[in-house]
Amino acid sequence: MDKSQLYKLFLDFIGGESIEIEGLYLKPERILRDDNTIEFSIQNPNDISFYVMVIEEYLNDILFDFGKFTNNVFKIHVDTNYPVIYFNKKLKNDISKILKSIKTLKLSNSSGNDIINTEITGRSVGFNVESGDDSIYIWNEFDSESGIVYSENHGTKFTSNLGKCIDYYLQTIESNSRYLESEEVYQELDVVLADYPLISTDWITQIYHTGFRNLS
């Protein structure tokens, strides 16, 4: 079976010219020279937010079934002008709204029988998004203004030097877990992303961090 026949067979298999996934359309464009890679383009008339890795997971399931049907093994290639992670305007606005509502970053760290709290006040001036290792990273670009490190049990103030407070904040994350901010500071972002099935899935980890703009 040549590539032209195989392409037509695939269109018959999916029942049309494209595959609709959560309002996004993936159009098979051609079969590449290796004869087993199907190239798809993304058509996004509904302005859907998505992560390409999630799309590829959906397509891999379809190609697995098509491979069983044709006794072959297929791969996918997504050719798109979109970024790997695409957030539409509404999602960007919802994320910005949450980040701007967080005026104080607070983390706690155990020290013997005491709890050491670090609080840094300031404001969000934007955010960046990265991906890697089945993860999405959202960095809150934070313009910090003041800080304090103090004992919760005794009320003792250890420092209000902003640079030292930021250092201790970052050390608290390093000594506990890279997910600490996600769980303690930015947990509301999970609620927002949960409404976007092409971004938030069981196997994609969402991690939120602070990018301090005034690190010395």
C-alpha atoms as a PDB file:
ATOM      1  CA  MET A   1       0.000   0.000   0.000  1.00  0.00           C
ATOM      2  CA  ASP A   2       1.535   3.322  -1.076  1.00  0.00           C
ATOM      3  CA  LYS A   3       1.444   6.513   0.984  1.00  0.00           C
ATOM      4  CA  SER A   4      -1.514   7.954  -0.918  1.00  0.00           C
ATOM      5  CA  GLN A   5      -3.623   4.887  -0.253  1.00  0.00           C
ATOM      6  CA  LEU A   6      -2.520   4.772   3.367  1.00  0.00           C
ATOM      7  CA  TYR A   7      -3.401   8.451   3.830  1.00  0.00           C
ATOM      8  CA  LYS A   8      -6.899   7.923   2.415  1.00  0.00           C
ATOM      9  CA  LEU A   9      -7.338   4.875   4.598  1.00  0.00           C
ATOM     10  CA  PHE A  10      -6.410   6.927   7.653  1.00  0.00           C
ATOM     11  CA  LEU A  11      -8.978   9.593   6.762  1.00  0.00           C
ATOM     12  CA  ASP A  12     -11.581   6.852   6.488  1.00  0.00           C
ATOM     13  CA  PHE A  13     -10.425   5.472   9.835  1.00  0.00           C
ATOM     14  CA  ILE A  14     -10.905   8.812  11.629  1.00  0.00           C
ATOM     15  CA  GLY A  15     -14.130   9.509   9.755  1.00  0.00           C
ATOM     16  CA  GLY A  16     -13.275  12.854   8.224  1.00  0.00           C
ATOM     17  CA  GLU A  17     -10.636  15.410   7.349  1.00  0.00           C
ATOM     18  CA  SER A  18      -9.589  16.141  10.925  1.00  0.00           C
ATOM     19  CA  ILE A  19      -9.722  14.897  14.501  1.00  0.00           C
ATOM     20  CA  GLU A  20     -11.606  17.035  17.018  1.00  0.00           C
ATOM     21  CA  ILE A  21     -10.193  17.017  20.557  1.00  0.00           C
ATOM     22  CA  GLU A  22     -11.862  19.251  23.154  1.00  0.00           C
ATOM     23  CA  GLY A  23     -12.729  21.856  20.518  1.00  0.00           C
ATOM     24  CA  LEU A  24      -9.299  21.739  18.852  1.00  0.00           C
ATOM     25  CA  TYR A  25      -8.905  20.246  15.364  1.00  0.00           C
ATOM     26  CA  LEU A  26      -5.905  18.156  14.328  1.00  0.00           C
ATOM     27  CA  LYS A  27      -5.660  17.780  10.557  1.00  0.00           C
ATOM     28  CA  PRO A  28      -3.538  14.976   9.091  1.00  0.00           C
ATOM     29  CA  GLU A  29      -1.580  16.685   6.322  1.00  0.00           C
ATOM     30  CA  ARG A  30       0.601  13.928   4.899  1.00  0.00           C
ATOM     31  CA  ILE A  31       2.639  10.825   5.563  1.00  0.00           C
ATOM     32  CA  LEU A  32       6.351  11.583   5.688  1.00  0.00           C
ATOM     33  CA  ARG A  33       9.113   9.858   3.756  1.00  0.00           C
ATOM     34  CA  ASP A  34       9.660   7.176   6.366  1.00  0.00           C
ATOM     35  CA  ASP A  35       6.160   5.901   5.476  1.00  0.00           C
ATOM     36  CA  ASN A  36       5.087   5.601   9.129  1.00  0.00           C
ATOM     37  CA  THR A  37       5.044   9.195  10.453  1.00  0.00           C
ATOM     38  CA  ILE A  38       1.804  11.117   9.996  1.00  0.00           C
ATOM     39  CA  GLU A  39       2.148  14.884  10.095  1.00  0.00           C
ATOM     40  CA  PHE A  40      -0.653  16.926  11.674  1.00  0.00           C
ATOM     41  CA  SER A  41      -1.434  20.616  11.668  1.00  0.00           C
ATOM     42  CA  ILE A  42      -3.395  22.412  14.391  1.00  0.00           C
ATOM     43  CA  GLN A  43      -6.562  24.312  13.541  1.00  0.00           C
ATOM     44  CA  ASN A  44      -7.830  26.353  16.462  1.00  0.00           C
ATOM     45  CA  PRO A  45     -10.987  28.280  15.451  1.00  0.00           C
ATOM     46  CA  ASN A  46     -12.285  28.205  19.039  1.00  0.00           C
ATOM     47  CA  ASP A  47      -9.062  29.632  20.496  1.00  0.00           C
ATOM     48  CA  ILE A  48      -8.493  26.637  22.789  1.00  0.00           C
ATOM     49  CA  SER A  49      -5.607  26.628  25.275  1.00  0.00           C
ATOM     50  CA  PHE A  50      -3.416  23.547  24.899  1.00  0.00           C
ATOM     51  CA  TYR A  51      -0.121  21.807  25.580  1.00  0.00           C
ATOM     52  CA  VAL A  52       1.297  19.985  22.540  1.00  0.00           C
ATOM     53  CA  MET A  53       2.378  17.008  24.659  1.00  0.00           C
ATOM     54  CA  VAL A  54      -1.247  16.435  25.716  1.00  0.00           C
ATOM     55  CA  ILE A  55      -2.357  16.601  22.085  1.00  0.00           C
ATOM     56  CA  GLU A  56       0.328  14.101  21.104  1.00  0.00           C
ATOM     57  CA  GLU A  57      -0.893  11.709  23.790  1.00  0.00           C
ATOM     58  CA  TYR A  58      -4.395  11.773  22.301  1.00  0.00           C
ATOM     59  CA  LEU A  59      -3.001  11.252  18.789  1.00  0.00           C
ATOM     60  CA  ASN A  60      -0.726   8.422  19.899  1.00  0.00           C
ATOM     61  CA  ASP A  61      -3.771   6.528  21.172  1.00  0.00           C
ATOM     62  CA  ILE A  62      -5.512   6.968  17.820  1.00  0.00           C
ATOM     63  CA  LEU A  63      -2.429   5.924  15.841  1.00  0.00           C
ATOM     64  CA  PHE A  64      -1.979   2.907  18.071  1.00  0.00           C
ATOM     65  CA  ASP A  65      -5.472   1.740  17.103  1.00  0.00           C
ATOM     66  CA  PHE A  66      -4.811   2.551  13.443  1.00  0.00           C
ATOM     67  CA  GLY A  67      -1.571   0.590  13.645  1.00  0.00           C
ATOM     68  CA  LYS A  68      -3.421  -2.479  14.909  1.00  0.00           C
ATOM     69  CA  PHE A  69      -5.913  -2.042  12.064  1.00  0.00           C
ATOM     70  CA  THR A  70      -3.154  -1.913   9.416  1.00  0.00           C
ATOM     71  CA  ASN A  71      -0.596  -4.130  11.174  1.00  0.00           C
ATOM     72  CA  ASN A  72       1.922  -1.296  11.335  1.00  0.00           C
ATOM     73  CA  VAL A  73       3.522   1.085  13.838  1.00  0.00           C
ATOM     74  CA  PHE A  74       2.943   4.799  13.326  1.00  0.00           C
ATOM     75  CA  LYS A  75       4.470   7.945  14.772  1.00  0.00           C
ATOM     76  CA  ILE A  76       3.205  11.502  14.784  1.00  0.00           C
ATOM     77  CA  HIS A  77       4.668  14.873  13.982  1.00  0.00           C
ATOM     78  CA  VAL A  78       2.758  18.033  14.879  1.00  0.00           C
ATOM     79  CA  ASP A  79       3.658  20.961  12.643  1.00  0.00           C
ATOM     80  CA  THR A  80       2.408  24.184  14.159  1.00  0.00           C
ATOM     81  CA  ASN A  81       3.117  27.893  14.418  1.00  0.00           C
ATOM     82  CA  TYR A  82       1.784  27.821  17.974  1.00  0.00           C
ATOM     83  CA  PRO A  83       4.139  27.604  20.973  1.00  0.00           C
ATOM     84  CA  VAL A  84       4.473  24.263  22.760  1.00  0.00           C
ATOM     85  CA  ILE A  85       2.142  25.624  25.443  1.00  0.00           C
ATOM     86  CA  TYR A  86      -0.578  27.995  24.261  1.00  0.00           C
ATOM     87  CA  PHE A  87      -2.662  30.017  26.741  1.00  0.00           C
ATOM     88  CA  ASN A  88      -5.586  31.950  25.318  1.00  0.00           C
ATOM     89  CA  LYS A  89      -6.443  35.460  26.500  1.00  0.00           C
ATOM     90  CA  LYS A  90      -8.966  34.328  29.097  1.00  0.00           C
ATOM     91  CA  LEU A  91      -6.564  31.880  30.724  1.00  0.00           C
ATOM     92  CA  LYS A  92      -3.786  34.465  30.758  1.00  0.00           C
ATOM     93  CA  ASN A  93      -6.111  36.976  32.404  1.00  0.00           C
ATOM     94  CA  ASP A  94      -7.302  34.450  35.004  1.00  0.00           C
ATOM     95  CA  ILE A  95      -3.722  33.524  35.919  1.00  0.00           C
ATOM     96  CA  SER A  96      -2.686  37.182  36.114  1.00  0.00           C
ATOM     97  CA  LYS A  97      -5.654  37.986  38.330  1.00  0.00           C
ATOM     98  CA  ILE A  98      -4.677  35.302  40.838  1.00  0.00           C
ATOM     99  CA  LEU A  99      -1.010  36.264  40.837  1.00  0.00           C
ATOM    100  CA  LYS A 100      -1.799  39.951  41.326  1.00  0.00           C
ATOM    101  CA  SER A 101      -4.035  39.080  44.278  1.00  0.00           C
ATOM    102  CA  ILE A 102      -1.063  37.504  46.089  1.00  0.00           C
ATOM    103  CA  LYS A 103       0.632  40.409  47.843  1.00  0.00           C
ATOM    104  CA  THR A 104       2.567  38.322  50.395  1.00  0.00           C
ATOM    105  CA  LEU A 105       4.560  35.159  49.766  1.00  0.00           C
ATOM    106  CA  LYS A 106       4.762  33.048  52.916  1.00  0.00           C
ATOM    107  CA  LEU A 107       6.610  29.790  53.535  1.00  0.00           C
ATOM    108  CA  SER A 108       7.363  27.975  56.785  1.00  0.00           C
ATOM    109  CA  ASN A 109      10.287  25.767  57.713  1.00  0.00           C
ATOM    110  CA  SER A 110      10.779  23.557  60.777  1.00  0.00           C
ATOM    111  CA  SER A 111      13.820  24.242  62.934  1.00  0.00           C
ATOM    112  CA  GLY A 112      13.987  21.963  65.955  1.00  0.00           C
ATOM    113  CA  ASN A 113      10.824  22.638  67.963  1.00  0.00           C
ATOM    114  CA  ASP A 114      10.252  25.969  66.259  1.00  0.00           C
ATOM    115  CA  ILE A 115       8.647  27.076  63.017  1.00  0.00           C
ATOM    116  CA  ILE A 116      10.514  29.714  61.031  1.00  0.00           C
ATOM    117  CA  ASN A 117       8.310  31.802  58.772  1.00  0.00           C
ATOM    118  CA  THR A 118       9.460  33.832  55.803  1.00  0.00           C
ATOM    119  CA  GLU A 119       7.176  36.511  54.415  1.00  0.00           C
ATOM    120  CA  ILE A 120       7.956  38.643  51.382  1.00  0.00           C
ATOM    121  CA  THR A 121       5.609  41.377  50.237  1.00  0.00           C
ATOM    122  CA  GLY A 122       5.435  42.845  46.767  1.00  0.00           C
ATOM    123  CA  ARG A 123       3.493  42.472  43.549  1.00  0.00           C
ATOM    124  CA  SER A 124       3.321  40.334  40.450  1.00  0.00           C
ATOM    125  CA  VAL A 125       4.367  42.081  37.252  1.00  0.00           C
ATOM    126  CA  GLY A 126       3.675  39.162  34.899  1.00  0.00           C
ATOM    127  CA  PHE A 127       4.400  35.491  34.429  1.00  0.00           C
ATOM    128  CA  ASN A 128       6.315  33.109  32.175  1.00  0.00           C
ATOM    129  CA  VAL A 129       5.514  29.558  31.126  1.00  0.00           C
ATOM    130  CA  GLU A 130       7.978  26.732  30.457  1.00  0.00           C
ATOM    131  CA  SER A 131       7.691  22.991  29.890  1.00  0.00           C
ATOM    132  CA  GLY A 132       9.775  19.878  30.371  1.00  0.00           C
ATOM    133  CA  ASP A 133       9.681  16.292  31.659  1.00  0.00           C
ATOM    134  CA  ASP A 134       5.879  16.029  31.397  1.00  0.00           C
ATOM    135  CA  SER A 135       5.604  19.226  33.437  1.00  0.00           C
ATOM    136  CA  ILE A 136       4.349  22.766  33.018  1.00  0.00           C
ATOM    137  CA  TYR A 137       6.132  25.503  34.945  1.00  0.00           C
ATOM    138  CA  ILE A 138       4.526  28.872  35.630  1.00  0.00           C
ATOM    139  CA  TRP A 139       6.912  31.505  36.977  1.00  0.00           C
ATOM    140  CA  ASN A 140       5.392  34.447  38.820  1.00  0.00           C
ATOM    141  CA  GLU A 141       7.586  37.455  38.038  1.00  0.00           C
ATOM    142  CA  PHE A 142       7.532  39.105  41.462  1.00  0.00           C
ATOM    143  CA  ASP A 143       8.762  42.565  42.317  1.00  0.00           C
ATOM    144  CA  SER A 144       9.497  42.207  46.043  1.00  0.00           C
ATOM    145  CA  GLU A 145       9.400  45.253  48.309  1.00  0.00           C
ATOM    146  CA  SER A 146      10.006  44.038  51.870  1.00  0.00           C
ATOM    147  CA  GLY A 147      10.489  40.862  53.842  1.00  0.00           C
ATOM    148  CA  ILE A 148      10.799  39.329  57.278  1.00  0.00           C
ATOM    149  CA  VAL A 149      12.032  36.041  58.711  1.00  0.00           C
ATOM    150  CA  TYR A 150      10.718  35.306  62.197  1.00  0.00           C
ATOM    151  CA  SER A 151      10.004  32.618  64.774  1.00  0.00           C
ATOM    152  CA  GLU A 152       6.361  31.557  64.901  1.00  0.00           C
ATOM    153  CA  ASN A 153       6.655  30.165  68.436  1.00  0.00           C
ATOM    154  CA  HIS A 154       8.617  33.012  70.004  1.00  0.00           C
ATOM    155  CA  GLY A 155       7.894  35.961  67.719  1.00  0.00           C
ATOM    156  CA  THR A 156      11.635  36.630  67.340  1.00  0.00           C
ATOM    157  CA  LYS A 157      12.573  38.563  64.219  1.00  0.00           C
ATOM    158  CA  PHE A 158      15.719  37.183  62.594  1.00  0.00           C
ATOM    159  CA  THR A 159      16.044  39.600  59.703  1.00  0.00           C
ATOM    160  CA  SER A 160      14.142  42.102  57.624  1.00  0.00           C
ATOM    161  CA  ASN A 161      16.929  42.519  55.063  1.00  0.00           C
ATOM    162  CA  LEU A 162      15.165  41.859  51.771  1.00  0.00           C
ATOM    163  CA  GLY A 163      18.052  40.036  50.126  1.00  0.00           C
ATOM    164  CA  LYS A 164      18.494  37.718  53.108  1.00  0.00           C
ATOM    165  CA  CYS A 165      14.755  37.108  53.259  1.00  0.00           C
ATOM    166  CA  ILE A 166      14.691  36.067  49.612  1.00  0.00           C
ATOM    167  CA  ASP A 167      17.696  33.799  50.184  1.00  0.00           C
ATOM    168  CA  TYR A 168      15.958  32.135  53.122  1.00  0.00           C
ATOM    169  CA  TYR A 169      12.737  31.794  51.125  1.00  0.00           C
ATOM    170  CA  LEU A 170      14.614  29.959  48.361  1.00  0.00           C
ATOM    171  CA  GLN A 171      16.527  27.841  50.877  1.00  0.00           C
ATOM    172  CA  THR A 172      13.199  26.810  52.426  1.00  0.00           C
ATOM    173  CA  ILE A 173      12.074  25.483  49.059  1.00  0.00           C
ATOM    174  CA  GLU A 174      15.375  23.691  48.487  1.00  0.00           C
ATOM    175  CA  SER A 175      15.299  22.012  51.900  1.00  0.00           C
ATOM    176  CA  ASN A 176      11.671  20.893  51.599  1.00  0.00           C
ATOM    177  CA  SER A 177      10.346  20.296  48.079  1.00  0.00           C
ATOM    178  CA  ARG A 178      10.270  21.990  44.707  1.00  0.00           C
ATOM    179  CA  TYR A 179       6.470  21.673  44.956  1.00  0.00           C
ATOM    180  CA  LEU A 180       6.327  23.727  48.161  1.00  0.00           C
ATOM    181  CA  GLU A 181       5.259  26.966  46.495  1.00  0.00           C
ATOM    182  CA  SER A 182       2.731  25.095  44.355  1.00  0.00           C
ATOM    183  CA  GLU A 183       1.117  23.677  47.470  1.00  0.00           C
ATOM    184  CA  GLU A 184       1.433  26.619  49.867  1.00  0.00           C
ATOM    185  CA  VAL A 185       1.457  29.822  47.797  1.00  0.00           C
ATOM    186  CA  TYR A 186      -0.066  29.212  44.362  1.00  0.00           C
ATOM    187  CA  GLN A 187      -2.590  26.425  44.956  1.00  0.00           C
ATOM    188  CA  GLU A 188      -5.385  28.533  43.426  1.00  0.00           C
ATOM    189  CA  LEU A 189      -3.763  28.139  40.013  1.00  0.00           C
ATOM    190  CA  ASP A 190      -4.684  24.445  40.048  1.00  0.00           C
ATOM    191  CA  VAL A 191      -8.355  25.416  40.171  1.00  0.00           C
ATOM    192  CA  VAL A 192      -7.981  27.655  37.115  1.00  0.00           C
ATOM    193  CA  LEU A 193      -6.020  25.151  35.021  1.00  0.00           C
ATOM    194  CA  ALA A 194      -8.421  22.327  35.888  1.00  0.00           C
ATOM    195  CA  ASP A 195     -10.924  23.894  33.459  1.00  0.00           C
ATOM    196  CA  TYR A 196      -8.516  23.300  30.551  1.00  0.00           C
ATOM    197  CA  PRO A 197      -8.364  19.566  29.692  1.00  0.00           C
ATOM    198  CA  LEU A 198      -5.698  20.037  27.009  1.00  0.00           C
ATOM    199  CA  ILE A 199      -3.381  21.491  29.660  1.00  0.00           C
ATOM    200  CA  SER A 200      -4.343  19.907  32.978  1.00  0.00           C
ATOM    201  CA  THR A 201      -4.254  16.089  32.935  1.00  0.00           C
ATOM    202  CA  ASP A 202      -3.411  13.337  35.421  1.00  0.00           C
ATOM    203  CA  TRP A 203       0.057  12.778  33.971  1.00  0.00           C
ATOM    204  CA  ILE A 204       1.106  16.408  33.522  1.00  0.00           C
ATOM    205  CA  THR A 205       2.596  18.031  36.624  1.00  0.00           C
ATOM    206  CA  GLN A 206       1.911  21.733  37.132  1.00  0.00           C
ATOM    207  CA  ILE A 207       4.643  23.470  39.112  1.00  0.00           C
ATOM    208  CA  TYR A 208       4.510  27.112  40.201  1.00  0.00           C
ATOM    209  CA  HIS A 209       7.510  29.154  41.260  1.00  0.00           C
ATOM    210  CA  THR A 210       8.437  32.745  42.013  1.00  0.00           C
ATOM    211  CA  GLY A 211      10.917  34.575  39.841  1.00  0.00           C
ATOM    212  CA  PHE A 212      12.277  37.385  41.998  1.00  0.00           C
ATOM    213  CA  ARG A 213      13.016  40.356  39.767  1.00  0.00           C
ATOM    214  CA  ASN A 214      15.250  42.156  42.281  1.00  0.00           C
ATOM    215  CA  LEU A 215      17.657  39.397  43.242  1.00  0.00           C
ATOM    216  CA  SER A 216      21.067  40.889  43.937  1.00  0.00           C
END
